[in-house]
Amino acid sequence: MTPRRTVLILLFEEVQSLDVTGPLEVFAYGGFVTGDPDLYEVRTATVDGGPVRTTSGLRLLPDMALHEAEVPHTLVVPGGDGTRAPDPRLVAWLRENAPRAERIVSVCTGAFLLAAAGLLDGRRATTHWALCPTLAERYPAIRVEPDPIYVRDGNIATTAGITAGIDLALALVEEDLGREPALAVARALVVFLRRPGNQTQFSAQLAVQSATRPPLRDIQHWVVENLRADLSVDSLAARAGLSPRHFARAFHSEVGMTPGRYVDRVRLEAARRLLEDTADGVETVARACGYGTSEAMRRAFVRSLGASPAEYRRRFRPLTPAA
């Protein structure tokens, strides 16, 4: 018999509602699909037991005050605007009680609450991509990883923005119950099972700045559409009508990364999408994305994602809704 697991989700003023309800629904459905609605006992708590209002204005009524809560099997710490100046009582409770939980999970900017409580010192962690630099600057003892949608380090897991909490909750359900129940939960919620934790948070186009000067901006767009072309600095500079040295300097200044790094990210994203959305072989995908050989693409995947193209495809099997 599968043991019952308690899940405690912390609430506070200006919490992000989907950070709360996303994981909550995953755990709740985990009980439904197994025929045991009480398999996960999910509870919510605020510092004083009073209601709170989310960033979107939704009013949430907790089950209890924190002093009434027992240390759970899984502690979920959501994010939201309320993490900017958190209630010291909430941080103190986390510092004293969270280490006794079997698993600690933060969603999005909930990582800032764990960091304030000293729980992420010396660990790898992530948060919403736009705030990773802030987390790293404010808490230098944390090894912040801006790319993955979630990071697990020991019994603590941190996620990227908002919906990544669903991905992590699905991973935890799969860990607890096995793949088939987690698959059933994903089908019920009409989501993927499951985006790998090391999948990037955002597309290459969103992850970088757009150049302000038309020649450089045009080069950015041209690269995306011509991955099999010669994308060396000399070739791109000639297309932009600039010397290679001037082009490389201007591109880095306006885009925030070197031309070579930009090409690498765009190629990797294109390859990921083809592996996710098509049945094309690895060799075909490698040629389509300008890698030349499947071995070159394999090295790029292992270096950036920690998995080979074949392993990435296996772990990112898309689902169709249940009939």
C-alpha atoms as a PDB file:
ATOM      1  CA  MET A   1       0.000   0.000   0.000  1.00  0.00           C
ATOM      2  CA  THR A   2       1.286   3.459  -0.943  1.00  0.00           C
ATOM      3  CA  PRO A   3       1.775   5.557   2.202  1.00  0.00           C
ATOM      4  CA  ARG A   4      -0.174   8.783   2.545  1.00  0.00           C
ATOM      5  CA  ARG A   5       1.878  11.921   2.122  1.00  0.00           C
ATOM      6  CA  THR A   6       1.194  15.285   3.676  1.00  0.00           C
ATOM      7  CA  VAL A   7       1.726  18.401   1.575  1.00  0.00           C
ATOM      8  CA  LEU A   8       1.779  21.850   3.154  1.00  0.00           C
ATOM      9  CA  ILE A   9       1.559  24.912   0.895  1.00  0.00           C
ATOM     10  CA  LEU A  10       2.470  28.244   2.464  1.00  0.00           C
ATOM     11  CA  LEU A  11       0.301  31.285   1.736  1.00  0.00           C
ATOM     12  CA  PHE A  12       1.067  34.965   2.247  1.00  0.00           C
ATOM     13  CA  GLU A  13      -0.112  38.336   1.030  1.00  0.00           C
ATOM     14  CA  GLU A  14       0.441  38.803  -2.720  1.00  0.00           C
ATOM     15  CA  VAL A  15       1.251  35.169  -3.355  1.00  0.00           C
ATOM     16  CA  GLN A  16       1.061  34.080  -7.009  1.00  0.00           C
ATOM     17  CA  SER A  17      -2.146  32.062  -7.315  1.00  0.00           C
ATOM     18  CA  LEU A  18      -0.915  29.597  -9.958  1.00  0.00           C
ATOM     19  CA  ASP A  19       2.176  28.849  -7.866  1.00  0.00           C
ATOM     20  CA  VAL A  20      -0.305  27.555  -5.281  1.00  0.00           C
ATOM     21  CA  THR A  21      -3.018  25.933  -7.384  1.00  0.00           C
ATOM     22  CA  GLY A  22      -0.743  24.329  -9.986  1.00  0.00           C
ATOM     23  CA  PRO A  23       1.094  21.961  -7.615  1.00  0.00           C
ATOM     24  CA  LEU A  24      -2.063  21.585  -5.490  1.00  0.00           C
ATOM     25  CA  GLU A  25      -4.060  20.254  -8.458  1.00  0.00           C
ATOM     26  CA  VAL A  26      -1.280  17.850  -9.436  1.00  0.00           C
ATOM     27  CA  PHE A  27      -1.144  16.311  -5.969  1.00  0.00           C
ATOM     28  CA  ALA A  28      -4.944  16.220  -5.697  1.00  0.00           C
ATOM     29  CA  TYR A  29      -5.261  14.436  -9.040  1.00  0.00           C
ATOM     30  CA  GLY A  30      -2.562  12.019  -7.907  1.00  0.00           C
ATOM     31  CA  GLY A  31      -5.057  10.738  -5.363  1.00  0.00           C
ATOM     32  CA  PHE A  32      -7.986  10.698  -7.783  1.00  0.00           C
ATOM     33  CA  VAL A  33      -6.239   8.662 -10.496  1.00  0.00           C
ATOM     34  CA  THR A  34      -5.204   6.014  -7.970  1.00  0.00           C
ATOM     35  CA  GLY A  35      -8.704   5.767  -6.514  1.00  0.00           C
ATOM     36  CA  ASP A  36      -7.506   7.090  -3.153  1.00  0.00           C
ATOM     37  CA  PRO A  37      -8.421  10.808  -2.864  1.00  0.00           C
ATOM     38  CA  ASP A  38      -6.620  11.009   0.481  1.00  0.00           C
ATOM     39  CA  LEU A  39      -3.319   9.701  -0.870  1.00  0.00           C
ATOM     40  CA  TYR A  40      -1.962  13.254  -0.707  1.00  0.00           C
ATOM     41  CA  GLU A  41      -3.246  15.271   2.226  1.00  0.00           C
ATOM     42  CA  VAL A  42      -2.816  18.826   0.950  1.00  0.00           C
ATOM     43  CA  ARG A  43      -3.171  21.704   3.402  1.00  0.00           C
ATOM     44  CA  THR A  44      -2.504  25.434   3.248  1.00  0.00           C
ATOM     45  CA  ALA A  45      -1.342  27.748   6.014  1.00  0.00           C
ATOM     46  CA  THR A  46      -0.628  31.412   6.658  1.00  0.00           C
ATOM     47  CA  VAL A  47       1.375  32.954   9.470  1.00  0.00           C
ATOM     48  CA  ASP A  48      -1.721  33.826  11.523  1.00  0.00           C
ATOM     49  CA  GLY A  49      -4.388  31.635   9.913  1.00  0.00           C
ATOM     50  CA  GLY A  50      -6.083  34.599   8.255  1.00  0.00           C
ATOM     51  CA  PRO A  51      -7.027  34.933   4.568  1.00  0.00           C
ATOM     52  CA  VAL A  52      -4.657  36.462   2.032  1.00  0.00           C
ATOM     53  CA  ARG A  53      -5.065  38.088  -1.343  1.00  0.00           C
ATOM     54  CA  THR A  54      -3.024  36.933  -4.346  1.00  0.00           C
ATOM     55  CA  THR A  55      -1.230  39.165  -6.835  1.00  0.00           C
ATOM     56  CA  SER A  56      -4.239  38.816  -9.152  1.00  0.00           C
ATOM     57  CA  GLY A  57      -6.710  39.758  -6.409  1.00  0.00           C
ATOM     58  CA  LEU A  58      -7.994  36.247  -5.669  1.00  0.00           C
ATOM     59  CA  ARG A  59      -8.754  35.784  -1.965  1.00  0.00           C
ATOM     60  CA  LEU A  60      -7.464  32.546  -0.405  1.00  0.00           C
ATOM     61  CA  LEU A  61      -8.617  31.115   2.921  1.00  0.00           C
ATOM     62  CA  PRO A  62      -6.010  28.842   4.548  1.00  0.00           C
ATOM     63  CA  ASP A  63      -6.687  25.660   6.465  1.00  0.00           C
ATOM     64  CA  MET A  64      -4.674  26.756   9.473  1.00  0.00           C
ATOM     65  CA  ALA A  65      -2.052  29.007  11.010  1.00  0.00           C
ATOM     66  CA  LEU A  66       1.576  28.001  10.726  1.00  0.00           C
ATOM     67  CA  HIS A  67       1.921  27.326  14.442  1.00  0.00           C
ATOM     68  CA  GLU A  68      -0.845  24.720  14.088  1.00  0.00           C
ATOM     69  CA  ALA A  69       0.815  22.922  11.165  1.00  0.00           C
ATOM     70  CA  GLU A  70       2.807  19.749  11.573  1.00  0.00           C
ATOM     71  CA  VAL A  71       6.003  19.451   9.579  1.00  0.00           C
ATOM     72  CA  PRO A  72       4.848  17.865   6.299  1.00  0.00           C
ATOM     73  CA  HIS A  73       6.358  15.284   4.011  1.00  0.00           C
ATOM     74  CA  THR A  74       6.453  17.891   1.215  1.00  0.00           C
ATOM     75  CA  LEU A  75       6.635  21.613   1.901  1.00  0.00           C
ATOM     76  CA  VAL A  76       5.688  23.901  -1.015  1.00  0.00           C
ATOM     77  CA  VAL A  77       6.792  27.548  -0.927  1.00  0.00           C
ATOM     78  CA  PRO A  78       5.178  29.557  -3.742  1.00  0.00           C
ATOM     79  CA  GLY A  79       6.333  32.878  -5.117  1.00  0.00           C
ATOM     80  CA  GLY A  80       4.695  36.187  -5.859  1.00  0.00           C
ATOM     81  CA  ASP A  81       5.138  39.872  -5.135  1.00  0.00           C
ATOM     82  CA  GLY A  82       4.938  39.101  -1.422  1.00  0.00           C
ATOM     83  CA  THR A  83       8.448  37.616  -1.548  1.00  0.00           C
ATOM     84  CA  ARG A  84       9.961  41.062  -2.123  1.00  0.00           C
ATOM     85  CA  ALA A  85       9.557  42.094   1.518  1.00  0.00           C
ATOM     86  CA  PRO A  86       8.519  38.869   3.260  1.00  0.00           C
ATOM     87  CA  ASP A  87       6.971  38.659   6.707  1.00  0.00           C
ATOM     88  CA  PRO A  88       9.872  37.968   9.107  1.00  0.00           C
ATOM     89  CA  ARG A  89       7.657  35.482  10.944  1.00  0.00           C
ATOM     90  CA  LEU A  90       7.324  33.422   7.763  1.00  0.00           C
ATOM     91  CA  VAL A  91      11.081  33.398   7.196  1.00  0.00           C
ATOM     92  CA  ALA A  92      11.689  32.444  10.840  1.00  0.00           C
ATOM     93  CA  TRP A  93       9.209  29.556  10.567  1.00  0.00           C
ATOM     94  CA  LEU A  94      10.949  28.294   7.456  1.00  0.00           C
ATOM     95  CA  ARG A  95      14.366  28.524   9.071  1.00  0.00           C
ATOM     96  CA  GLU A  96      13.231  26.510  12.093  1.00  0.00           C
ATOM     97  CA  ASN A  97      10.823  23.994  10.565  1.00  0.00           C
ATOM     98  CA  ALA A  98      11.556  23.469   6.882  1.00  0.00           C
ATOM     99  CA  PRO A  99      14.737  21.389   7.423  1.00  0.00           C
ATOM    100  CA  ARG A 100      12.601  18.703   9.074  1.00  0.00           C
ATOM    101  CA  ALA A 101      10.451  18.210   5.949  1.00  0.00           C
ATOM    102  CA  GLU A 102      11.232  15.264   3.705  1.00  0.00           C
ATOM    103  CA  ARG A 103      11.063  17.444   0.607  1.00  0.00           C
ATOM    104  CA  ILE A 104      11.175  21.220   0.232  1.00  0.00           C
ATOM    105  CA  VAL A 105       9.892  22.815  -2.959  1.00  0.00           C
ATOM    106  CA  SER A 106       9.863  26.440  -4.028  1.00  0.00           C
ATOM    107  CA  VAL A 107       7.996  27.740  -7.064  1.00  0.00           C
ATOM    108  CA  CYS A 108       9.277  30.766  -8.986  1.00  0.00           C
ATOM    109  CA  THR A 109      10.293  33.540  -6.556  1.00  0.00           C
ATOM    110  CA  GLY A 110       9.564  31.302  -3.586  1.00  0.00           C
ATOM    111  CA  ALA A 111      13.302  30.609  -3.872  1.00  0.00           C
ATOM    112  CA  PHE A 112      13.874  34.040  -2.320  1.00  0.00           C
ATOM    113  CA  LEU A 113      12.031  32.909   0.819  1.00  0.00           C
ATOM    114  CA  LEU A 114      14.148  29.771   1.069  1.00  0.00           C
ATOM    115  CA  ALA A 115      17.256  31.865   0.488  1.00  0.00           C
ATOM    116  CA  ALA A 116      16.252  34.367   3.186  1.00  0.00           C
ATOM    117  CA  ALA A 117      15.926  31.448   5.597  1.00  0.00           C
ATOM    118  CA  GLY A 118      19.430  30.243   4.701  1.00  0.00           C
ATOM    119  CA  LEU A 119      18.150  26.988   3.236  1.00  0.00           C
ATOM    120  CA  LEU A 120      19.819  27.366  -0.170  1.00  0.00           C
ATOM    121  CA  ASP A 121      23.333  28.228   0.979  1.00  0.00           C
ATOM    122  CA  GLY A 122      25.847  26.030  -0.818  1.00  0.00           C
ATOM    123  CA  ARG A 123      23.165  24.554  -3.072  1.00  0.00           C
ATOM    124  CA  ARG A 124      22.209  24.780  -6.716  1.00  0.00           C
ATOM    125  CA  ALA A 125      18.940  26.614  -7.321  1.00  0.00           C
ATOM    126  CA  THR A 126      16.877  28.479  -9.887  1.00  0.00           C
ATOM    127  CA  THR A 127      13.992  30.925 -10.053  1.00  0.00           C
ATOM    128  CA  HIS A 128      12.208  32.945 -12.731  1.00  0.00           C
ATOM    129  CA  TRP A 129      14.801  33.692 -15.415  1.00  0.00           C
ATOM    130  CA  ALA A 130      14.370  37.463 -15.084  1.00  0.00           C
ATOM    131  CA  LEU A 131      15.280  37.314 -11.375  1.00  0.00           C
ATOM    132  CA  CYS A 132      18.158  34.824 -11.449  1.00  0.00           C
ATOM    133  CA  PRO A 133      20.760  37.623 -11.512  1.00  0.00           C
ATOM    134  CA  THR A 134      19.087  39.239  -8.503  1.00  0.00           C
ATOM    135  CA  LEU A 135      19.047  35.965  -6.569  1.00  0.00           C
ATOM    136  CA  ALA A 136      22.720  35.373  -7.355  1.00  0.00           C
ATOM    137  CA  GLU A 137      23.722  38.900  -6.369  1.00  0.00           C
ATOM    138  CA  ARG A 138      21.695  38.980  -3.165  1.00  0.00           C
ATOM    139  CA  TYR A 139      22.711  35.487  -2.020  1.00  0.00           C
ATOM    140  CA  PRO A 140      26.234  34.726  -3.323  1.00  0.00           C
ATOM    141  CA  ALA A 141      26.385  31.444  -1.400  1.00  0.00           C
ATOM    142  CA  ILE A 142      23.807  30.001  -3.826  1.00  0.00           C
ATOM    143  CA  ARG A 143      24.860  28.507  -7.170  1.00  0.00           C
ATOM    144  CA  VAL A 144      22.106  29.994  -9.316  1.00  0.00           C
ATOM    145  CA  GLU A 145      21.338  28.201 -12.592  1.00  0.00           C
ATOM    146  CA  PRO A 146      19.227  30.436 -14.859  1.00  0.00           C
ATOM    147  CA  ASP A 147      18.442  27.945 -17.617  1.00  0.00           C
ATOM    148  CA  PRO A 148      16.642  24.878 -16.143  1.00  0.00           C
ATOM    149  CA  ILE A 149      12.903  24.898 -15.438  1.00  0.00           C
ATOM    150  CA  TYR A 150      13.690  23.227 -12.127  1.00  0.00           C
ATOM    151  CA  VAL A 151      16.727  22.199 -10.124  1.00  0.00           C
ATOM    152  CA  ARG A 152      16.903  19.501  -7.463  1.00  0.00           C
ATOM    153  CA  ASP A 153      19.752  19.545  -4.977  1.00  0.00           C
ATOM    154  CA  GLY A 154      19.331  16.991  -2.237  1.00  0.00           C
ATOM    155  CA  ASN A 155      15.870  17.254  -0.727  1.00  0.00           C
ATOM    156  CA  ILE A 156      15.349  20.822  -1.942  1.00  0.00           C
ATOM    157  CA  ALA A 157      13.916  21.639  -5.355  1.00  0.00           C
ATOM    158  CA  THR A 158      13.484  25.096  -6.860  1.00  0.00           C
ATOM    159  CA  THR A 159      11.612  25.947 -10.046  1.00  0.00           C
ATOM    160  CA  ALA A 160      11.478  28.601 -12.692  1.00  0.00           C
ATOM    161  CA  GLY A 161       8.473  30.812 -13.288  1.00  0.00           C
ATOM    162  CA  ILE A 162       4.961  29.838 -12.322  1.00  0.00           C
ATOM    163  CA  THR A 163       3.943  26.867 -14.542  1.00  0.00           C
ATOM    164  CA  ALA A 164       7.252  25.113 -13.823  1.00  0.00           C
ATOM    165  CA  GLY A 165       5.737  24.243 -10.439  1.00  0.00           C
ATOM    166  CA  ILE A 166       3.382  21.900 -12.288  1.00  0.00           C
ATOM    167  CA  ASP A 167       6.327  20.180 -13.995  1.00  0.00           C
ATOM    168  CA  LEU A 168       8.093  19.620 -10.700  1.00  0.00           C
ATOM    169  CA  ALA A 169       4.929  18.410  -8.963  1.00  0.00           C
ATOM    170  CA  LEU A 170       4.428  15.887 -11.778  1.00  0.00           C
ATOM    171  CA  ALA A 171       8.018  14.727 -11.315  1.00  0.00           C
ATOM    172  CA  LEU A 172       7.367  14.226  -7.592  1.00  0.00           C
ATOM    173  CA  VAL A 173       4.162  12.282  -8.264  1.00  0.00           C
ATOM    174  CA  GLU A 174       6.067  10.087 -10.709  1.00  0.00           C
ATOM    175  CA  GLU A 175       8.726   9.555  -8.058  1.00  0.00           C
ATOM    176  CA  ASP A 176       6.081   8.637  -5.465  1.00  0.00           C
ATOM    177  CA  LEU A 177       3.648   6.590  -7.530  1.00  0.00           C
ATOM    178  CA  GLY A 178       5.362   5.600 -10.763  1.00  0.00           C
ATOM    179  CA  ARG A 179       5.103   6.738 -14.359  1.00  0.00           C
ATOM    180  CA  GLU A 180       1.599   5.544 -15.197  1.00  0.00           C
ATOM    181  CA  PRO A 181      -0.221   7.412 -12.394  1.00  0.00           C
ATOM    182  CA  ALA A 182       1.794  10.540 -13.188  1.00  0.00           C
ATOM    183  CA  LEU A 183       0.903  10.085 -16.857  1.00  0.00           C
ATOM    184  CA  ALA A 184      -2.770   9.878 -15.907  1.00  0.00           C
ATOM    185  CA  VAL A 185      -2.475  13.111 -13.902  1.00  0.00           C
ATOM    186  CA  ALA A 186      -0.828  14.854 -16.848  1.00  0.00           C
ATOM    187  CA  ARG A 187      -3.571  13.662 -19.194  1.00  0.00           C
ATOM    188  CA  ALA A 188      -6.259  14.854 -16.807  1.00  0.00           C
ATOM    189  CA  LEU A 189      -4.647  18.295 -16.619  1.00  0.00           C
ATOM    190  CA  VAL A 190      -3.871  18.278 -20.376  1.00  0.00           C
ATOM    191  CA  VAL A 191      -0.177  18.987 -19.864  1.00  0.00           C
ATOM    192  CA  PHE A 192       3.051  17.247 -20.864  1.00  0.00           C
ATOM    193  CA  LEU A 193       4.595  14.520 -18.739  1.00  0.00           C
ATOM    194  CA  ARG A 194       6.913  16.024 -18.182  1.00  0.00           C
ATOM    195  CA  ARG A 195       9.279  18.736 -19.282  1.00  0.00           C
ATOM    196  CA  PRO A 196      12.731  17.622 -18.098  1.00  0.00           C
ATOM    197  CA  GLY A 197      14.114  19.780 -15.342  1.00  0.00           C
ATOM    198  CA  ASN A 198      17.058  20.770 -17.513  1.00  0.00           C
ATOM    199  CA  GLN A 199      14.850  22.005 -20.341  1.00  0.00           C
ATOM    200  CA  THR A 200      15.479  25.697 -20.799  1.00  0.00           C
ATOM    201  CA  GLN A 201      13.049  28.207 -19.311  1.00  0.00           C
ATOM    202  CA  PHE A 202      12.623  30.236 -22.455  1.00  0.00           C
ATOM    203  CA  SER A 203      13.293  30.365 -26.168  1.00  0.00           C
ATOM    204  CA  ALA A 204      16.562  31.771 -27.450  1.00  0.00           C
ATOM    205  CA  GLN A 205      14.678  34.716 -28.879  1.00  0.00           C
ATOM    206  CA  LEU A 206      13.211  35.645 -25.490  1.00  0.00           C
ATOM    207  CA  ALA A 207      16.400  34.917 -23.599  1.00  0.00           C
ATOM    208  CA  VAL A 208      18.438  37.596 -25.313  1.00  0.00           C
ATOM    209  CA  GLN A 209      18.033  41.224 -26.127  1.00  0.00           C
ATOM    210  CA  SER A 210      16.995  42.352 -29.598  1.00  0.00           C
ATOM    211  CA  ALA A 211      19.565  44.548 -31.247  1.00  0.00           C
ATOM    212  CA  THR A 212      18.481  48.145 -31.788  1.00  0.00           C
ATOM    213  CA  ARG A 213      20.375  48.692 -35.038  1.00  0.00           C
ATOM    214  CA  PRO A 214      18.565  47.202 -38.059  1.00  0.00           C
ATOM    215  CA  PRO A 215      21.596  45.376 -39.551  1.00  0.00           C
ATOM    216  CA  LEU A 216      22.232  43.495 -36.313  1.00  0.00           C
ATOM    217  CA  ARG A 217      18.555  42.840 -35.663  1.00  0.00           C
ATOM    218  CA  ASP A 218      18.201  41.526 -39.215  1.00  0.00           C
ATOM    219  CA  ILE A 219      21.142  39.187 -38.620  1.00  0.00           C
ATOM    220  CA  GLN A 220      19.434  37.777 -35.527  1.00  0.00           C
ATOM    221  CA  HIS A 221      16.320  36.948 -37.538  1.00  0.00           C
ATOM    222  CA  TRP A 222      18.306  35.638 -40.507  1.00  0.00           C
ATOM    223  CA  VAL A 223      20.237  33.197 -38.326  1.00  0.00           C
ATOM    224  CA  VAL A 224      16.993  31.630 -37.084  1.00  0.00           C
ATOM    225  CA  GLU A 225      15.839  31.004 -40.661  1.00  0.00           C
ATOM    226  CA  ASN A 226      19.196  29.816 -42.059  1.00  0.00           C
ATOM    227  CA  LEU A 227      20.742  27.415 -39.589  1.00  0.00           C
ATOM    228  CA  ARG A 228      22.407  25.359 -42.359  1.00  0.00           C
ATOM    229  CA  ALA A 229      24.233  28.399 -43.756  1.00  0.00           C
ATOM    230  CA  ASP A 230      27.750  29.582 -42.925  1.00  0.00           C
ATOM    231  CA  LEU A 231      27.183  31.304 -39.587  1.00  0.00           C
ATOM    232  CA  SER A 232      30.772  32.190 -38.821  1.00  0.00           C
ATOM    233  CA  VAL A 233      31.542  35.679 -37.534  1.00  0.00           C
ATOM    234  CA  ASP A 234      33.225  36.580 -40.829  1.00  0.00           C
ATOM    235  CA  SER A 235      30.188  35.512 -42.848  1.00  0.00           C
ATOM    236  CA  LEU A 236      27.672  37.255 -40.587  1.00  0.00           C
ATOM    237  CA  ALA A 237      29.797  40.395 -40.487  1.00  0.00           C
ATOM    238  CA  ALA A 238      29.921  40.517 -44.292  1.00  0.00           C
ATOM    239  CA  ARG A 239      26.142  40.157 -44.445  1.00  0.00           C
ATOM    240  CA  ALA A 240      25.785  43.035 -41.967  1.00  0.00           C
ATOM    241  CA  GLY A 241      28.248  45.173 -43.935  1.00  0.00           C
ATOM    242  CA  LEU A 242      30.683  45.476 -41.023  1.00  0.00           C
ATOM    243  CA  SER A 243      34.205  44.345 -40.309  1.00  0.00           C
ATOM    244  CA  PRO A 244      34.348  41.103 -38.265  1.00  0.00           C
ATOM    245  CA  ARG A 245      35.856  42.910 -35.282  1.00  0.00           C
ATOM    246  CA  HIS A 246      33.316  45.751 -35.339  1.00  0.00           C
ATOM    247  CA  PHE A 247      30.445  43.288 -35.882  1.00  0.00           C
ATOM    248  CA  ALA A 248      31.461  41.038 -32.980  1.00  0.00           C
ATOM    249  CA  ARG A 249      31.867  44.000 -30.624  1.00  0.00           C
ATOM    250  CA  ALA A 250      28.573  45.635 -31.641  1.00  0.00           C
ATOM    251  CA  PHE A 251      26.645  42.346 -31.530  1.00  0.00           C
ATOM    252  CA  HIS A 252      27.846  41.546 -28.024  1.00  0.00           C
ATOM    253  CA  SER A 253      27.071  45.074 -26.852  1.00  0.00           C
ATOM    254  CA  GLU A 254      23.494  45.055 -28.162  1.00  0.00           C
ATOM    255  CA  VAL A 255      22.488  41.396 -27.811  1.00  0.00           C
ATOM    256  CA  GLY A 256      24.329  40.575 -24.591  1.00  0.00           C
ATOM    257  CA  MET A 257      26.312  37.622 -25.927  1.00  0.00           C
ATOM    258  CA  THR A 258      28.808  36.807 -28.649  1.00  0.00           C
ATOM    259  CA  PRO A 259      27.581  35.894 -32.156  1.00  0.00           C
ATOM    260  CA  GLY A 260      28.887  32.354 -31.664  1.00  0.00           C
ATOM    261  CA  ARG A 261      26.986  31.923 -28.404  1.00  0.00           C
ATOM    262  CA  TYR A 262      23.820  33.243 -30.015  1.00  0.00           C
ATOM    263  CA  VAL A 263      24.147  30.791 -32.925  1.00  0.00           C
ATOM    264  CA  ASP A 264      24.728  27.929 -30.475  1.00  0.00           C
ATOM    265  CA  ARG A 265      21.559  28.777 -28.516  1.00  0.00           C
ATOM    266  CA  VAL A 266      19.388  29.149 -31.605  1.00  0.00           C
ATOM    267  CA  ARG A 267      20.665  25.847 -33.036  1.00  0.00           C
ATOM    268  CA  LEU A 268      20.062  24.041 -29.752  1.00  0.00           C
ATOM    269  CA  GLU A 269      16.524  25.377 -29.463  1.00  0.00           C
ATOM    270  CA  ALA A 270      15.697  24.410 -33.056  1.00  0.00           C
ATOM    271  CA  ALA A 271      17.044  20.897 -32.458  1.00  0.00           C
ATOM    272  CA  ARG A 272      15.052  20.540 -29.237  1.00  0.00           C
ATOM    273  CA  ARG A 273      11.831  21.512 -30.979  1.00  0.00           C
ATOM    274  CA  LEU A 274      12.397  19.077 -33.850  1.00  0.00           C
ATOM    275  CA  LEU A 275      13.097  16.265 -31.408  1.00  0.00           C
ATOM    276  CA  GLU A 276       9.946  17.136 -29.464  1.00  0.00           C
ATOM    277  CA  ASP A 277       7.601  17.692 -32.408  1.00  0.00           C
ATOM    278  CA  THR A 278       8.777  15.333 -35.169  1.00  0.00           C
ATOM    279  CA  ALA A 279       9.839  11.725 -35.664  1.00  0.00           C
ATOM    280  CA  ASP A 280      12.909  12.740 -37.680  1.00  0.00           C
ATOM    281  CA  GLY A 281      16.050  10.797 -36.888  1.00  0.00           C
ATOM    282  CA  VAL A 282      18.867  12.381 -34.905  1.00  0.00           C
ATOM    283  CA  GLU A 283      21.082  12.570 -38.005  1.00  0.00           C
ATOM    284  CA  THR A 284      18.347  14.374 -39.947  1.00  0.00           C
ATOM    285  CA  VAL A 285      17.759  16.840 -37.100  1.00  0.00           C
ATOM    286  CA  ALA A 286      21.496  17.500 -36.807  1.00  0.00           C
ATOM    287  CA  ARG A 287      21.749  18.367 -40.518  1.00  0.00           C
ATOM    288  CA  ALA A 288      18.615  20.527 -40.445  1.00  0.00           C
ATOM    289  CA  CYS A 289      19.990  22.584 -37.562  1.00  0.00           C
ATOM    290  CA  GLY A 290      23.442  23.068 -39.045  1.00  0.00           C
ATOM    291  CA  TYR A 291      25.399  20.805 -36.738  1.00  0.00           C
ATOM    292  CA  GLY A 292      26.883  18.870 -39.630  1.00  0.00           C
ATOM    293  CA  THR A 293      27.083  15.584 -37.744  1.00  0.00           C
ATOM    294  CA  SER A 294      25.005  13.882 -35.088  1.00  0.00           C
ATOM    295  CA  GLU A 295      28.094  13.683 -32.880  1.00  0.00           C
ATOM    296  CA  ALA A 296      28.457  17.475 -32.921  1.00  0.00           C
ATOM    297  CA  MET A 297      24.815  17.808 -31.877  1.00  0.00           C
ATOM    298  CA  ARG A 298      25.231  15.156 -29.192  1.00  0.00           C
ATOM    299  CA  ARG A 299      28.131  17.089 -27.658  1.00  0.00           C
ATOM    300  CA  ALA A 300      26.082  20.308 -27.690  1.00  0.00           C
ATOM    301  CA  PHE A 301      23.153  18.587 -25.948  1.00  0.00           C
ATOM    302  CA  VAL A 302      25.288  16.936 -23.284  1.00  0.00           C
ATOM    303  CA  ARG A 303      27.145  20.179 -22.610  1.00  0.00           C
ATOM    304  CA  SER A 304      23.997  22.337 -22.318  1.00  0.00           C
ATOM    305  CA  LEU A 305      21.254  19.933 -21.195  1.00  0.00           C
ATOM    306  CA  GLY A 306      23.106  17.054 -19.585  1.00  0.00           C
ATOM    307  CA  ALA A 307      21.436  14.516 -21.882  1.00  0.00           C
ATOM    308  CA  SER A 308      22.016  13.114 -25.355  1.00  0.00           C
ATOM    309  CA  PRO A 309      19.477  13.934 -28.111  1.00  0.00           C
ATOM    310  CA  ALA A 310      18.034  10.413 -27.869  1.00  0.00           C
ATOM    311  CA  GLU A 311      17.665  10.667 -24.085  1.00  0.00           C
ATOM    312  CA  TYR A 312      16.161  14.138 -24.384  1.00  0.00           C
ATOM    313  CA  ARG A 313      13.548  12.876 -26.850  1.00  0.00           C
ATOM    314  CA  ARG A 314      12.705   9.888 -24.645  1.00  0.00           C
ATOM    315  CA  ARG A 315      12.210  12.065 -21.567  1.00  0.00           C
ATOM    316  CA  PHE A 316      10.171  14.648 -23.411  1.00  0.00           C
ATOM    317  CA  ARG A 317       7.491  12.408 -24.848  1.00  0.00           C
ATOM    318  CA  PRO A 318       4.474  14.632 -25.578  1.00  0.00           C
ATOM    319  CA  LEU A 319       1.057  13.435 -24.537  1.00  0.00           C
ATOM    320  CA  THR A 320      -2.307  13.636 -26.191  1.00  0.00           C
ATOM    321  CA  PRO A 321      -5.417  14.205 -24.056  1.00  0.00           C
ATOM    322  CA  ALA A 322      -7.193  11.075 -22.940  1.00  0.00           C
ATOM    323  CA  ALA A 323     -10.193  10.172 -25.068  1.00  0.00           C
END
